[in-house]
Amino acid sequence: MRIFTASVIIAAVSLGTPAFVQAQQGAPSQSEAQTPPAQSSTVIRSIQVVDLKELQPAVRSKVDDIVAQTSEEDLQSLRKSIDATPEAASALKAKGVSSLQVVAINIADGVLTLITKTA
């Protein structure tokens, strides 16, 4: 997969959208979650799609807590960003899901993880 800059998705994260990233970094306060990250030039080398059910119970619990606190508006913004990023939309399509099923993302070490929730 070619390397691309994920500024659109990073922008979605900076809005406080499902921030699985926050769960792994100690869940900053709401005002910190609203501050744009200094990683606007993060390069995504690969994308993986993981269903919420596939996560370890402790991680799944953290994601569930964050998702419960995420507004529908933030989810819609995140999903728009994903749809506007061809590589992300393609990765979802390859797994047979769409951005409508994305509930959180994680960006770490050049890997964008799209966490989905299916029925």
PDB file of N, CA and C in Angstrom:
ATOM      1  N   MET A   1       0.855  -1.171   0.000  1.00  0.00           N
ATOM      2  CA  MET A   1       0.000   0.000   0.000  1.00  0.00           C
ATOM      3  C   MET A   1       0.896   1.226   0.000  1.00  0.00           C
ATOM      4  N   ARG A   2       0.555   2.200  -0.803  1.00  0.00           N
ATOM      5  CA  ARG A   2       1.414   3.379  -0.866  1.00  0.00           C
ATOM      6  C   ARG A   2       1.277   4.212   0.400  1.00  0.00           C
ATOM      7  N   ILE A   3       2.290   4.992   0.682  1.00  0.00           N
ATOM      8  CA  ILE A   3       2.298   5.858   1.864  1.00  0.00           C
ATOM      9  C   ILE A   3       1.500   7.111   1.549  1.00  0.00           C
ATOM     10  N   PHE A   4       0.687   7.567   2.474  1.00  0.00           N
ATOM     11  CA  PHE A   4      -0.074   8.796   2.280  1.00  0.00           C
ATOM     12  C   PHE A   4      -0.187   9.545   3.594  1.00  0.00           C
ATOM     13  N   THR A   5      -0.379  10.841   3.494  1.00  0.00           N
ATOM     14  CA  THR A   5      -0.523  11.666   4.686  1.00  0.00           C
ATOM     15  C   THR A   5      -1.979  11.631   5.103  1.00  0.00           C
ATOM     16  N   ALA A   6      -2.220  11.376   6.355  1.00  0.00           N
ATOM     17  CA  ALA A   6      -3.583  11.205   6.851  1.00  0.00           C
ATOM     18  C   ALA A   6      -4.067  12.449   7.568  1.00  0.00           C
ATOM     19  N   SER A   7      -3.783  13.603   7.005  1.00  0.00           N
ATOM     20  CA  SER A   7      -4.174  14.839   7.689  1.00  0.00           C
ATOM     21  C   SER A   7      -5.684  14.937   7.848  1.00  0.00           C
ATOM     22  N   VAL A   8      -6.444  14.410   6.908  1.00  0.00           N
ATOM     23  CA  VAL A   8      -7.899  14.458   7.023  1.00  0.00           C
ATOM     24  C   VAL A   8      -8.354  13.651   8.227  1.00  0.00           C
ATOM     25  N   ILE A   9      -7.786  12.470   8.386  1.00  0.00           N
ATOM     26  CA  ILE A   9      -8.181  11.630   9.512  1.00  0.00           C
ATOM     27  C   ILE A   9      -7.632  12.199  10.802  1.00  0.00           C
ATOM     28  N   ILE A  10      -6.430  12.739  10.776  1.00  0.00           N
ATOM     29  CA  ILE A  10      -5.878  13.377  11.971  1.00  0.00           C
ATOM     30  C   ILE A  10      -6.786  14.527  12.383  1.00  0.00           C
ATOM     31  N   ALA A  11      -7.291  15.279  11.411  1.00  0.00           N
ATOM     32  CA  ALA A  11      -8.203  16.382  11.722  1.00  0.00           C
ATOM     33  C   ALA A  11      -9.445  15.846  12.417  1.00  0.00           C
ATOM     34  N   ALA A  12      -9.931  14.713  11.992  1.00  0.00           N
ATOM     35  CA  ALA A  12     -11.104  14.125  12.637  1.00  0.00           C
ATOM     36  C   ALA A  12     -10.795  13.754  14.080  1.00  0.00           C
ATOM     37  N   VAL A  13      -9.610  13.218  14.319  1.00  0.00           N
ATOM     38  CA  VAL A  13      -9.222  12.859  15.683  1.00  0.00           C
ATOM     39  C   VAL A  13      -9.131  14.111  16.546  1.00  0.00           C
ATOM     40  N   SER A  14      -8.627  15.204  15.976  1.00  0.00           N
ATOM     41  CA  SER A  14      -8.460  16.421  16.761  1.00  0.00           C
ATOM     42  C   SER A  14      -9.792  17.011  17.190  1.00  0.00           C
ATOM     43  N   LEU A  15     -10.873  16.616  16.533  1.00  0.00           N
ATOM     44  CA  LEU A  15     -12.191  17.095  16.933  1.00  0.00           C
ATOM     45  C   LEU A  15     -12.724  16.348  18.146  1.00  0.00           C
ATOM     46  N   GLY A  16     -11.990  15.388  18.607  1.00  0.00           N
ATOM     47  CA  GLY A  16     -12.426  14.630  19.775  1.00  0.00           C
ATOM     48  C   GLY A  16     -13.267  13.438  19.386  1.00  0.00           C
ATOM     49  N   THR A  17     -13.233  13.051  18.143  1.00  0.00           N
ATOM     50  CA  THR A  17     -13.990  11.913  17.668  1.00  0.00           C
ATOM     51  C   THR A  17     -13.494  10.654  18.343  1.00  0.00           C
ATOM     52  N   PRO A  18     -14.138   9.530  18.118  1.00  0.00           N
ATOM     53  CA  PRO A  18     -13.823   8.319  18.856  1.00  0.00           C
ATOM     54  C   PRO A  18     -12.327   8.159  18.992  1.00  0.00           C
ATOM     55  N   ALA A  19     -11.855   8.459  20.116  1.00  0.00           N
ATOM     56  CA  ALA A  19     -10.421   8.562  20.287  1.00  0.00           C
ATOM     57  C   ALA A  19      -9.873   7.364  21.008  1.00  0.00           C
ATOM     58  N   PHE A  20      -9.804   6.266  20.321  1.00  0.00           N
ATOM     59  CA  PHE A  20      -9.163   5.098  20.854  1.00  0.00           C
ATOM     60  C   PHE A  20      -7.734   5.455  21.188  1.00  0.00           C
ATOM     61  N   VAL A  21      -7.187   6.392  20.443  1.00  0.00           N
ATOM     62  CA  VAL A  21      -5.849   6.894  20.738  1.00  0.00           C
ATOM     63  C   VAL A  21      -5.816   7.416  22.171  1.00  0.00           C
ATOM     64  N   GLN A  22      -6.855   8.118  22.591  1.00  0.00           N
ATOM     65  CA  GLN A  22      -6.912   8.658  23.937  1.00  0.00           C
ATOM     66  C   GLN A  22      -6.919   7.550  24.977  1.00  0.00           C
ATOM     67  N   ALA A  23      -7.585   6.467  24.692  1.00  0.00           N
ATOM     68  CA  ALA A  23      -7.664   5.367  25.652  1.00  0.00           C
ATOM     69  C   ALA A  23      -6.278   4.798  25.913  1.00  0.00           C
ATOM     70  N   GLN A  24      -5.472   4.719  24.878  1.00  0.00           N
ATOM     71  CA  GLN A  24      -4.141   4.162  25.051  1.00  0.00           C
ATOM     72  C   GLN A  24      -3.180   5.165  25.674  1.00  0.00           C
ATOM     73  N   GLN A  25      -3.500   6.453  25.578  1.00  0.00           N
ATOM     74  CA  GLN A  25      -2.597   7.464  26.107  1.00  0.00           C
ATOM     75  C   GLN A  25      -3.061   8.024  27.435  1.00  0.00           C
ATOM     76  N   GLY A  26      -4.041   7.430  28.054  1.00  0.00           N
ATOM     77  CA  GLY A  26      -4.456   7.848  29.378  1.00  0.00           C
ATOM     78  C   GLY A  26      -5.641   8.793  29.371  1.00  0.00           C
ATOM     79  N   ALA A  27      -6.412   8.832  28.316  1.00  0.00           N
ATOM     80  CA  ALA A  27      -7.638   9.622  28.212  1.00  0.00           C
ATOM     81  C   ALA A  27      -7.486  11.029  28.776  1.00  0.00           C
ATOM     82  N   PRO A  28      -6.967  11.960  27.979  1.00  0.00           N
ATOM     83  CA  PRO A  28      -6.815  13.337  28.448  1.00  0.00           C
ATOM     84  C   PRO A  28      -8.165  13.990  28.689  1.00  0.00           C
ATOM     85  N   SER A  29      -8.112  15.116  29.380  1.00  0.00           N
ATOM     86  CA  SER A  29      -9.353  15.828  29.658  1.00  0.00           C
ATOM     87  C   SER A  29      -9.999  16.286  28.366  1.00  0.00           C
ATOM     88  N   GLN A  30     -11.265  16.651  28.440  1.00  0.00           N
ATOM     89  CA  GLN A  30     -12.025  17.066  27.263  1.00  0.00           C
ATOM     90  C   GLN A  30     -11.337  18.214  26.547  1.00  0.00           C
ATOM     91  N   SER A  31     -10.799  19.204  27.271  1.00  0.00           N
ATOM     92  CA  SER A  31     -10.144  20.331  26.610  1.00  0.00           C
ATOM     93  C   SER A  31      -8.884  19.875  25.882  1.00  0.00           C
ATOM     94  N   GLU A  32      -8.166  18.911  26.438  1.00  0.00           N
ATOM     95  CA  GLU A  32      -6.995  18.390  25.751  1.00  0.00           C
ATOM     96  C   GLU A  32      -7.398  17.610  24.510  1.00  0.00           C
ATOM     97  N   ALA A  33      -8.522  16.911  24.582  1.00  0.00           N
ATOM     98  CA  ALA A  33      -9.001  16.138  23.438  1.00  0.00           C
ATOM     99  C   ALA A  33      -9.380  17.057  22.291  1.00  0.00           C
ATOM    100  N   GLN A  34      -9.741  18.304  22.589  1.00  0.00           N
ATOM    101  CA  GLN A  34     -10.136  19.244  21.560  1.00  0.00           C
ATOM    102  C   GLN A  34      -8.942  19.949  20.937  1.00  0.00           C
ATOM    103  N   THR A  35      -7.772  19.847  21.534  1.00  0.00           N
ATOM    104  CA  THR A  35      -6.584  20.513  21.029  1.00  0.00           C
ATOM    105  C   THR A  35      -6.017  19.717  19.862  1.00  0.00           C
ATOM    106  N   PRO A  36      -5.788  20.364  18.712  1.00  0.00           N
ATOM    107  CA  PRO A  36      -5.237  19.629  17.575  1.00  0.00           C
ATOM    108  C   PRO A  36      -3.876  19.041  17.923  1.00  0.00           C
ATOM    109  N   PRO A  37      -3.654  17.789  17.566  1.00  0.00           N
ATOM    110  CA  PRO A  37      -2.388  17.151  17.893  1.00  0.00           C
ATOM    111  C   PRO A  37      -1.260  17.717  17.047  1.00  0.00           C
ATOM    112  N   ALA A  38      -0.051  17.587  17.537  1.00  0.00           N
ATOM    113  CA  ALA A  38       1.119  18.075  16.823  1.00  0.00           C
ATOM    114  C   ALA A  38       1.534  17.104  15.727  1.00  0.00           C
ATOM    115  N   GLN A  39       0.758  16.063  15.508  1.00  0.00           N
ATOM    116  CA  GLN A  39       1.117  15.037  14.544  1.00  0.00           C
ATOM    117  C   GLN A  39       0.376  15.196  13.225  1.00  0.00           C
ATOM    118  N   SER A  40       0.105  16.423  12.804  1.00  0.00           N
ATOM    119  CA  SER A  40      -0.656  16.645  11.582  1.00  0.00           C
ATOM    120  C   SER A  40       0.070  16.146  10.346  1.00  0.00           C
ATOM    121  N   SER A  41       1.348  15.850  10.450  1.00  0.00           N
ATOM    122  CA  SER A  41       2.080  15.325   9.310  1.00  0.00           C
ATOM    123  C   SER A  41       2.352  13.830   9.457  1.00  0.00           C
ATOM    124  N   THR A  42       1.595  13.160  10.290  1.00  0.00           N
ATOM    125  CA  THR A  42       1.753  11.734  10.484  1.00  0.00           C
ATOM    126  C   THR A  42       1.571  11.011   9.156  1.00  0.00           C
ATOM    127  N   VAL A  43       2.472  10.112   8.868  1.00  0.00           N
ATOM    128  CA  VAL A  43       2.392   9.331   7.645  1.00  0.00           C
ATOM    129  C   VAL A  43       1.839   7.961   7.998  1.00  0.00           C
ATOM    130  N   ILE A  44       0.798   7.592   7.299  1.00  0.00           N
ATOM    131  CA  ILE A  44       0.183   6.284   7.495  1.00  0.00           C
ATOM    132  C   ILE A  44       0.799   5.327   6.481  1.00  0.00           C
ATOM    133  N   ARG A  45       1.399   4.271   6.967  1.00  0.00           N
ATOM    134  CA  ARG A  45       2.024   3.291   6.086  1.00  0.00           C
ATOM    135  C   ARG A  45       1.107   2.119   5.781  1.00  0.00           C
ATOM    136  N   SER A  46       0.182   1.862   6.694  1.00  0.00           N
ATOM    137  CA  SER A  46      -0.765   0.778   6.456  1.00  0.00           C
ATOM    138  C   SER A  46      -2.053   1.042   7.212  1.00  0.00           C
ATOM    139  N   ILE A  47      -3.082   0.362   6.771  1.00  0.00           N
ATOM    140  CA  ILE A  47      -4.403   0.492   7.391  1.00  0.00           C
ATOM    141  C   ILE A  47      -4.897  -0.902   7.715  1.00  0.00           C
ATOM    142  N   GLN A  48      -5.411  -1.043   8.915  1.00  0.00           N
ATOM    143  CA  GLN A  48      -6.034  -2.318   9.268  1.00  0.00           C
ATOM    144  C   GLN A  48      -7.442  -2.053   9.774  1.00  0.00           C
ATOM    145  N   VAL A  49      -8.312  -2.993   9.528  1.00  0.00           N
ATOM    146  CA  VAL A  49      -9.701  -2.903   9.965  1.00  0.00           C
ATOM    147  C   VAL A  49      -9.926  -4.026  10.965  1.00  0.00           C
ATOM    148  N   VAL A  50     -10.382  -3.657  12.160  1.00  0.00           N
ATOM    149  CA  VAL A  50     -10.573  -4.629  13.234  1.00  0.00           C
ATOM    150  C   VAL A  50     -11.986  -4.461  13.781  1.00  0.00           C
ATOM    151  N   ASP A  51     -12.682  -5.573  13.925  1.00  0.00           N
ATOM    152  CA  ASP A  51     -14.004  -5.519  14.529  1.00  0.00           C
ATOM    153  C   ASP A  51     -13.854  -5.426  16.043  1.00  0.00           C
ATOM    154  N   LEU A  52     -14.713  -4.661  16.662  1.00  0.00           N
ATOM    155  CA  LEU A  52     -14.689  -4.462  18.112  1.00  0.00           C
ATOM    156  C   LEU A  52     -14.664  -5.794  18.856  1.00  0.00           C
ATOM    157  N   LYS A  53     -15.373  -6.787  18.323  1.00  0.00           N
ATOM    158  CA  LYS A  53     -15.439  -8.107  18.965  1.00  0.00           C
ATOM    159  C   LYS A  53     -14.086  -8.818  18.986  1.00  0.00           C
ATOM    160  N   GLU A  54     -13.164  -8.418  18.087  1.00  0.00           N
ATOM    161  CA  GLU A  54     -11.864  -9.064  18.007  1.00  0.00           C
ATOM    162  C   GLU A  54     -10.867  -8.531  19.031  1.00  0.00           C
ATOM    163  N   LEU A  55     -11.191  -7.419  19.674  1.00  0.00           N
ATOM    164  CA  LEU A  55     -10.274  -6.811  20.637  1.00  0.00           C
ATOM    165  C   LEU A  55     -10.284  -7.587  21.956  1.00  0.00           C
ATOM    166  N   GLN A  56      -9.182  -7.493  22.682  1.00  0.00           N
ATOM    167  CA  GLN A  56      -9.124  -8.106  24.003  1.00  0.00           C
ATOM    168  C   GLN A  56     -10.161  -7.422  24.891  1.00  0.00           C
ATOM    169  N   PRO A  57     -10.742  -8.143  25.839  1.00  0.00           N
ATOM    170  CA  PRO A  57     -11.809  -7.580  26.677  1.00  0.00           C
ATOM    171  C   PRO A  57     -11.471  -6.243  27.334  1.00  0.00           C
ATOM    172  N   ALA A  58     -10.265  -6.098  27.859  1.00  0.00           N
ATOM    173  CA  ALA A  58      -9.899  -4.843  28.532  1.00  0.00           C
ATOM    174  C   ALA A  58      -9.868  -3.680  27.543  1.00  0.00           C
ATOM    175  N   VAL A  59      -9.321  -3.908  26.361  1.00  0.00           N
ATOM    176  CA  VAL A  59      -9.259  -2.862  25.338  1.00  0.00           C
ATOM    177  C   VAL A  59     -10.661  -2.564  24.830  1.00  0.00           C
ATOM    178  N   ARG A  60     -11.447  -3.612  24.603  1.00  0.00           N
ATOM    179  CA  ARG A  60     -12.832  -3.444  24.129  1.00  0.00           C
ATOM    180  C   ARG A  60     -13.632  -2.603  25.117  1.00  0.00           C
ATOM    181  N   SER A  61     -13.424  -2.828  26.393  1.00  0.00           N
ATOM    182  CA  SER A  61     -14.124  -2.061  27.418  1.00  0.00           C
ATOM    183  C   SER A  61     -13.769  -0.584  27.344  1.00  0.00           C
ATOM    184  N   LYS A  62     -12.472  -0.281  27.161  1.00  0.00           N
ATOM    185  CA  LYS A  62     -12.035   1.108  27.041  1.00  0.00           C
ATOM    186  C   LYS A  62     -12.656   1.769  25.810  1.00  0.00           C
ATOM    187  N   VAL A  63     -12.650   1.044  24.701  1.00  0.00           N
ATOM    188  CA  VAL A  63     -13.237   1.591  23.472  1.00  0.00           C
ATOM    189  C   VAL A  63     -14.728   1.821  23.670  1.00  0.00           C
ATOM    190  N   ASP A  64     -15.422   0.870  24.279  1.00  0.00           N
ATOM    191  CA  ASP A  64     -16.862   1.023  24.534  1.00  0.00           C
ATOM    192  C   ASP A  64     -17.142   2.273  25.371  1.00  0.00           C
ATOM    193  N   ASP A  65     -16.319   2.509  26.387  1.00  0.00           N
ATOM    194  CA  ASP A  65     -16.500   3.692  27.237  1.00  0.00           C
ATOM    195  C   ASP A  65     -16.340   4.975  26.436  1.00  0.00           C
ATOM    196  N   ILE A  66     -15.326   5.026  25.601  1.00  0.00           N
ATOM    197  CA  ILE A  66     -15.084   6.223  24.796  1.00  0.00           C
ATOM    198  C   ILE A  66     -16.192   6.420  23.772  1.00  0.00           C
ATOM    199  N   VAL A  67     -16.604   5.347  23.131  1.00  0.00           N
ATOM    200  CA  VAL A  67     -17.676   5.438  22.133  1.00  0.00           C
ATOM    201  C   VAL A  67     -18.961   5.943  22.783  1.00  0.00           C
ATOM    202  N   ALA A  68     -19.240   5.496  24.003  1.00  0.00           N
ATOM    203  CA  ALA A  68     -20.446   5.929  24.706  1.00  0.00           C
ATOM    204  C   ALA A  68     -20.440   7.434  24.966  1.00  0.00           C
ATOM    205  N   GLN A  69     -19.259   8.028  25.060  1.00  0.00           N
ATOM    206  CA  GLN A  69     -19.148   9.463  25.332  1.00  0.00           C
ATOM    207  C   GLN A  69     -19.000  10.300  24.058  1.00  0.00           C
ATOM    208  N   THR A  70     -18.997   9.642  22.901  1.00  0.00           N
ATOM    209  CA  THR A  70     -18.790  10.337  21.633  1.00  0.00           C
ATOM    210  C   THR A  70     -20.133  10.736  21.031  1.00  0.00           C
ATOM    211  N   SER A  71     -20.211  11.980  20.611  1.00  0.00           N
ATOM    212  CA  SER A  71     -21.465  12.459  20.017  1.00  0.00           C
ATOM    213  C   SER A  71     -21.638  11.906  18.606  1.00  0.00           C
ATOM    214  N   GLU A  72     -22.878  11.845  18.182  1.00  0.00           N
ATOM    215  CA  GLU A  72     -23.182  11.394  16.831  1.00  0.00           C
ATOM    216  C   GLU A  72     -22.561  12.330  15.801  1.00  0.00           C
ATOM    217  N   GLU A  73     -22.515  13.602  16.135  1.00  0.00           N
ATOM    218  CA  GLU A  73     -21.901  14.588  15.243  1.00  0.00           C
ATOM    219  C   GLU A  73     -20.414  14.282  15.025  1.00  0.00           C
ATOM    220  N   ASP A  74     -19.721  13.925  16.090  1.00  0.00           N
ATOM    221  CA  ASP A  74     -18.311  13.575  15.979  1.00  0.00           C
ATOM    222  C   ASP A  74     -18.122  12.303  15.147  1.00  0.00           C
ATOM    223  N   LEU A  75     -18.991  11.326  15.354  1.00  0.00           N
ATOM    224  CA  LEU A  75     -18.915  10.097  14.557  1.00  0.00           C
ATOM    225  C   LEU A  75     -19.134  10.406  13.082  1.00  0.00           C
ATOM    226  N   GLN A  76     -20.104  11.256  12.784  1.00  0.00           N
ATOM    227  CA  GLN A  76     -20.376  11.611  11.393  1.00  0.00           C
ATOM    228  C   GLN A  76     -19.177  12.315  10.772  1.00  0.00           C
ATOM    229  N   SER A  77     -18.541  13.185  11.533  1.00  0.00           N
ATOM    230  CA  SER A  77     -17.355  13.890  11.044  1.00  0.00           C
ATOM    231  C   SER A  77     -16.222  12.903  10.753  1.00  0.00           C
ATOM    232  N   LEU A  78     -16.012  11.967  11.652  1.00  0.00           N
ATOM    233  CA  LEU A  78     -14.992  10.946  11.454  1.00  0.00           C
ATOM    234  C   LEU A  78     -15.294  10.135  10.198  1.00  0.00           C
ATOM    235  N   ARG A  79     -16.530   9.716  10.055  1.00  0.00           N
ATOM    236  CA  ARG A  79     -16.916   8.886   8.907  1.00  0.00           C
ATOM    237  C   ARG A  79     -16.780   9.640   7.586  1.00  0.00           C
ATOM    238  N   LYS A  80     -17.071  10.935   7.588  1.00  0.00           N
ATOM    239  CA  LYS A  80     -16.869  11.754   6.386  1.00  0.00           C
ATOM    240  C   LYS A  80     -15.395  11.786   6.018  1.00  0.00           C
ATOM    241  N   SER A  81     -14.540  11.947   7.015  1.00  0.00           N
ATOM    242  CA  SER A  81     -13.100  11.971   6.771  1.00  0.00           C
ATOM    243  C   SER A  81     -12.616  10.649   6.197  1.00  0.00           C
ATOM    244  N   ILE A  82     -13.132   9.565   6.723  1.00  0.00           N
ATOM    245  CA  ILE A  82     -12.758   8.243   6.218  1.00  0.00           C
ATOM    246  C   ILE A  82     -13.208   8.086   4.773  1.00  0.00           C
ATOM    247  N   ASP A  83     -14.452   8.466   4.479  1.00  0.00           N
ATOM    248  CA  ASP A  83     -14.966   8.350   3.114  1.00  0.00           C
ATOM    249  C   ASP A  83     -14.186   9.222   2.132  1.00  0.00           C
ATOM    250  N   ALA A  84     -13.627  10.324   2.620  1.00  0.00           N
ATOM    251  CA  ALA A  84     -12.854  11.232   1.771  1.00  0.00           C
ATOM    252  C   ALA A  84     -11.411  10.757   1.586  1.00  0.00           C
ATOM    253  N   THR A  85     -11.049   9.675   2.245  1.00  0.00           N
ATOM    254  CA  THR A  85      -9.693   9.123   2.138  1.00  0.00           C
ATOM    255  C   THR A  85      -9.792   7.780   1.414  1.00  0.00           C
ATOM    256  N   PRO A  86      -9.479   7.777   0.125  1.00  0.00           N
ATOM    257  CA  PRO A  86      -9.677   6.557  -0.677  1.00  0.00           C
ATOM    258  C   PRO A  86      -9.040   5.303  -0.092  1.00  0.00           C
ATOM    259  N   GLU A  87      -7.856   5.422   0.463  1.00  0.00           N
ATOM    260  CA  GLU A  87      -7.179   4.239   1.013  1.00  0.00           C
ATOM    261  C   GLU A  87      -7.958   3.650   2.188  1.00  0.00           C
ATOM    262  N   ALA A  88      -8.504   4.512   3.039  1.00  0.00           N
ATOM    263  CA  ALA A  88      -9.283   4.045   4.192  1.00  0.00           C
ATOM    264  C   ALA A  88     -10.592   3.418   3.731  1.00  0.00           C
ATOM    265  N   ALA A  89     -11.272   4.084   2.810  1.00  0.00           N
ATOM    266  CA  ALA A  89     -12.537   3.551   2.295  1.00  0.00           C
ATOM    267  C   ALA A  89     -12.315   2.205   1.616  1.00  0.00           C
ATOM    268  N   SER A  90     -11.217   2.082   0.898  1.00  0.00           N
ATOM    269  CA  SER A  90     -10.894   0.827   0.214  1.00  0.00           C
ATOM    270  C   SER A  90     -10.614  -0.297   1.204  1.00  0.00           C
ATOM    271  N   ALA A  91      -9.899   0.011   2.281  1.00  0.00           N
ATOM    272  CA  ALA A  91      -9.602  -1.003   3.301  1.00  0.00           C
ATOM    273  C   ALA A  91     -10.894  -1.517   3.940  1.00  0.00           C
ATOM    274  N   LEU A  92     -11.822  -0.594   4.192  1.00  0.00           N
ATOM    275  CA  LEU A  92     -13.115  -1.011   4.760  1.00  0.00           C
ATOM    276  C   LEU A  92     -13.875  -1.901   3.773  1.00  0.00           C
ATOM    277  N   LYS A  93     -13.899  -1.473   2.524  1.00  0.00           N
ATOM    278  CA  LYS A  93     -14.625  -2.230   1.496  1.00  0.00           C
ATOM    279  C   LYS A  93     -14.053  -3.640   1.362  1.00  0.00           C
ATOM    280  N   ALA A  94     -12.739  -3.752   1.441  1.00  0.00           N
ATOM    281  CA  ALA A  94     -12.093  -5.063   1.340  1.00  0.00           C
ATOM    282  C   ALA A  94     -12.522  -6.001   2.463  1.00  0.00           C
ATOM    283  N   LYS A  95     -12.880  -5.439   3.606  1.00  0.00           N
ATOM    284  CA  LYS A  95     -13.347  -6.245   4.745  1.00  0.00           C
ATOM    285  C   LYS A  95     -14.865  -6.425   4.726  1.00  0.00           C
ATOM    286  N   GLY A  96     -15.534  -5.821   3.735  1.00  0.00           N
ATOM    287  CA  GLY A  96     -16.985  -5.977   3.632  1.00  0.00           C
ATOM    288  C   GLY A  96     -17.775  -5.083   4.573  1.00  0.00           C
ATOM    289  N   VAL A  97     -17.176  -3.980   5.005  1.00  0.00           N
ATOM    290  CA  VAL A  97     -17.855  -3.027   5.880  1.00  0.00           C
ATOM    291  C   VAL A  97     -17.742  -1.626   5.275  1.00  0.00           C
ATOM    292  N   SER A  98     -18.430  -0.681   5.878  1.00  0.00           N
ATOM    293  CA  SER A  98     -18.376   0.700   5.406  1.00  0.00           C
ATOM    294  C   SER A  98     -18.037   1.629   6.565  1.00  0.00           C
ATOM    295  N   SER A  99     -17.853   2.893   6.248  1.00  0.00           N
ATOM    296  CA  SER A  99     -17.529   3.866   7.290  1.00  0.00           C
ATOM    297  C   SER A  99     -18.650   3.984   8.315  1.00  0.00           C
ATOM    298  N   LEU A 100     -19.858   3.622   7.937  1.00  0.00           N
ATOM    299  CA  LEU A 100     -20.981   3.672   8.881  1.00  0.00           C
ATOM    300  C   LEU A 100     -20.774   2.736  10.067  1.00  0.00           C
ATOM    301  N   GLN A 101     -19.911   1.759   9.911  1.00  0.00           N
ATOM    302  CA  GLN A 101     -19.666   0.802  10.983  1.00  0.00           C
ATOM    303  C   GLN A 101     -18.419   1.137  11.809  1.00  0.00           C
ATOM    304  N   VAL A 102     -17.704   2.193  11.430  1.00  0.00           N
ATOM    305  CA  VAL A 102     -16.520   2.601  12.182  1.00  0.00           C
ATOM    306  C   VAL A 102     -16.960   3.339  13.442  1.00  0.00           C
ATOM    307  N   VAL A 103     -16.454   2.899  14.584  1.00  0.00           N
ATOM    308  CA  VAL A 103     -16.795   3.534  15.856  1.00  0.00           C
ATOM    309  C   VAL A 103     -15.603   4.210  16.510  1.00  0.00           C
ATOM    310  N   ALA A 104     -14.388   3.870  16.057  1.00  0.00           N
ATOM    311  CA  ALA A 104     -13.186   4.471  16.627  1.00  0.00           C
ATOM    312  C   ALA A 104     -12.019   4.218  15.700  1.00  0.00           C
ATOM    313  N   ILE A 105     -10.968   5.003  15.909  1.00  0.00           N
ATOM    314  CA  ILE A 105      -9.731   4.775  15.169  1.00  0.00           C
ATOM    315  C   ILE A 105      -8.561   4.844  16.141  1.00  0.00           C
ATOM    316  N   ASN A 106      -7.453   4.292  15.699  1.00  0.00           N
ATOM    317  CA  ASN A 106      -6.204   4.386  16.443  1.00  0.00           C
ATOM    318  C   ASN A 106      -5.101   4.614  15.426  1.00  0.00           C
ATOM    319  N   ILE A 107      -4.204   5.538  15.723  1.00  0.00           N
ATOM    320  CA  ILE A 107      -3.055   5.769  14.863  1.00  0.00           C
ATOM    321  C   ILE A 107      -1.813   5.617  15.725  1.00  0.00           C
ATOM    322  N   ALA A 108      -1.007   4.634  15.375  1.00  0.00           N
ATOM    323  CA  ALA A 108       0.221   4.380  16.130  1.00  0.00           C
ATOM    324  C   ALA A 108       1.254   3.748  15.213  1.00  0.00           C
ATOM    325  N   ASP A 109       2.466   4.260  15.278  1.00  0.00           N
ATOM    326  CA  ASP A 109       3.590   3.696  14.531  1.00  0.00           C
ATOM    327  C   ASP A 109       3.299   3.556  13.037  1.00  0.00           C
ATOM    328  N   GLY A 110       2.605   4.526  12.460  1.00  0.00           N
ATOM    329  CA  GLY A 110       2.325   4.509  11.032  1.00  0.00           C
ATOM    330  C   GLY A 110       1.192   3.590  10.616  1.00  0.00           C
ATOM    331  N   VAL A 111       0.476   3.030  11.588  1.00  0.00           N
ATOM    332  CA  VAL A 111      -0.636   2.139  11.291  1.00  0.00           C
ATOM    333  C   VAL A 111      -1.936   2.799  11.725  1.00  0.00           C
ATOM    334  N   LEU A 112      -2.850   2.938  10.782  1.00  0.00           N
ATOM    335  CA  LEU A 112      -4.186   3.432  11.081  1.00  0.00           C
ATOM    336  C   LEU A 112      -5.079   2.227  11.296  1.00  0.00           C
ATOM    337  N   THR A 113      -5.642   2.117  12.481  1.00  0.00           N
ATOM    338  CA  THR A 113      -6.567   1.014  12.764  1.00  0.00           C
ATOM    339  C   THR A 113      -7.969   1.589  12.810  1.00  0.00           C
ATOM    340  N   LEU A 114      -8.828   1.062  11.963  1.00  0.00           N
ATOM    341  CA  LEU A 114     -10.234   1.439  11.938  1.00  0.00           C
ATOM    342  C   LEU A 114     -10.994   0.376  12.714  1.00  0.00           C
ATOM    343  N   ILE A 115     -11.617   0.758  13.796  1.00  0.00           N
ATOM    344  CA  ILE A 115     -12.347  -0.189  14.630  1.00  0.00           C
ATOM    345  C   ILE A 115     -13.818  -0.117  14.258  1.00  0.00           C
ATOM    346  N   THR A 116     -14.349  -1.244  13.867  1.00  0.00           N
ATOM    347  CA  THR A 116     -15.730  -1.312  13.407  1.00  0.00           C
ATOM    348  C   THR A 116     -16.595  -2.075  14.397  1.00  0.00           C
ATOM    349  N   LYS A 117     -17.876  -1.831  14.284  1.00  0.00           N
ATOM    350  CA  LYS A 117     -18.841  -2.575  15.099  1.00  0.00           C
ATOM    351  C   LYS A 117     -19.928  -3.068  14.168  1.00  0.00           C
ATOM    352  N   THR A 118     -20.014  -4.390  14.067  1.00  0.00           N
ATOM    353  CA  THR A 118     -21.034  -4.997  13.219  1.00  0.00           C
ATOM    354  C   THR A 118     -22.117  -5.579  14.101  1.00  0.00           C
ATOM    355  N   ALA A 119     -23.243  -5.792  13.492  1.00  0.00           N
ATOM    356  CA  ALA A 119     -24.410  -6.273  14.249  1.00  0.00           C
ATOM    357  C   ALA A 119     -24.233  -7.599  14.879  1.00  0.00           C
TER     358      ALA A 119
END
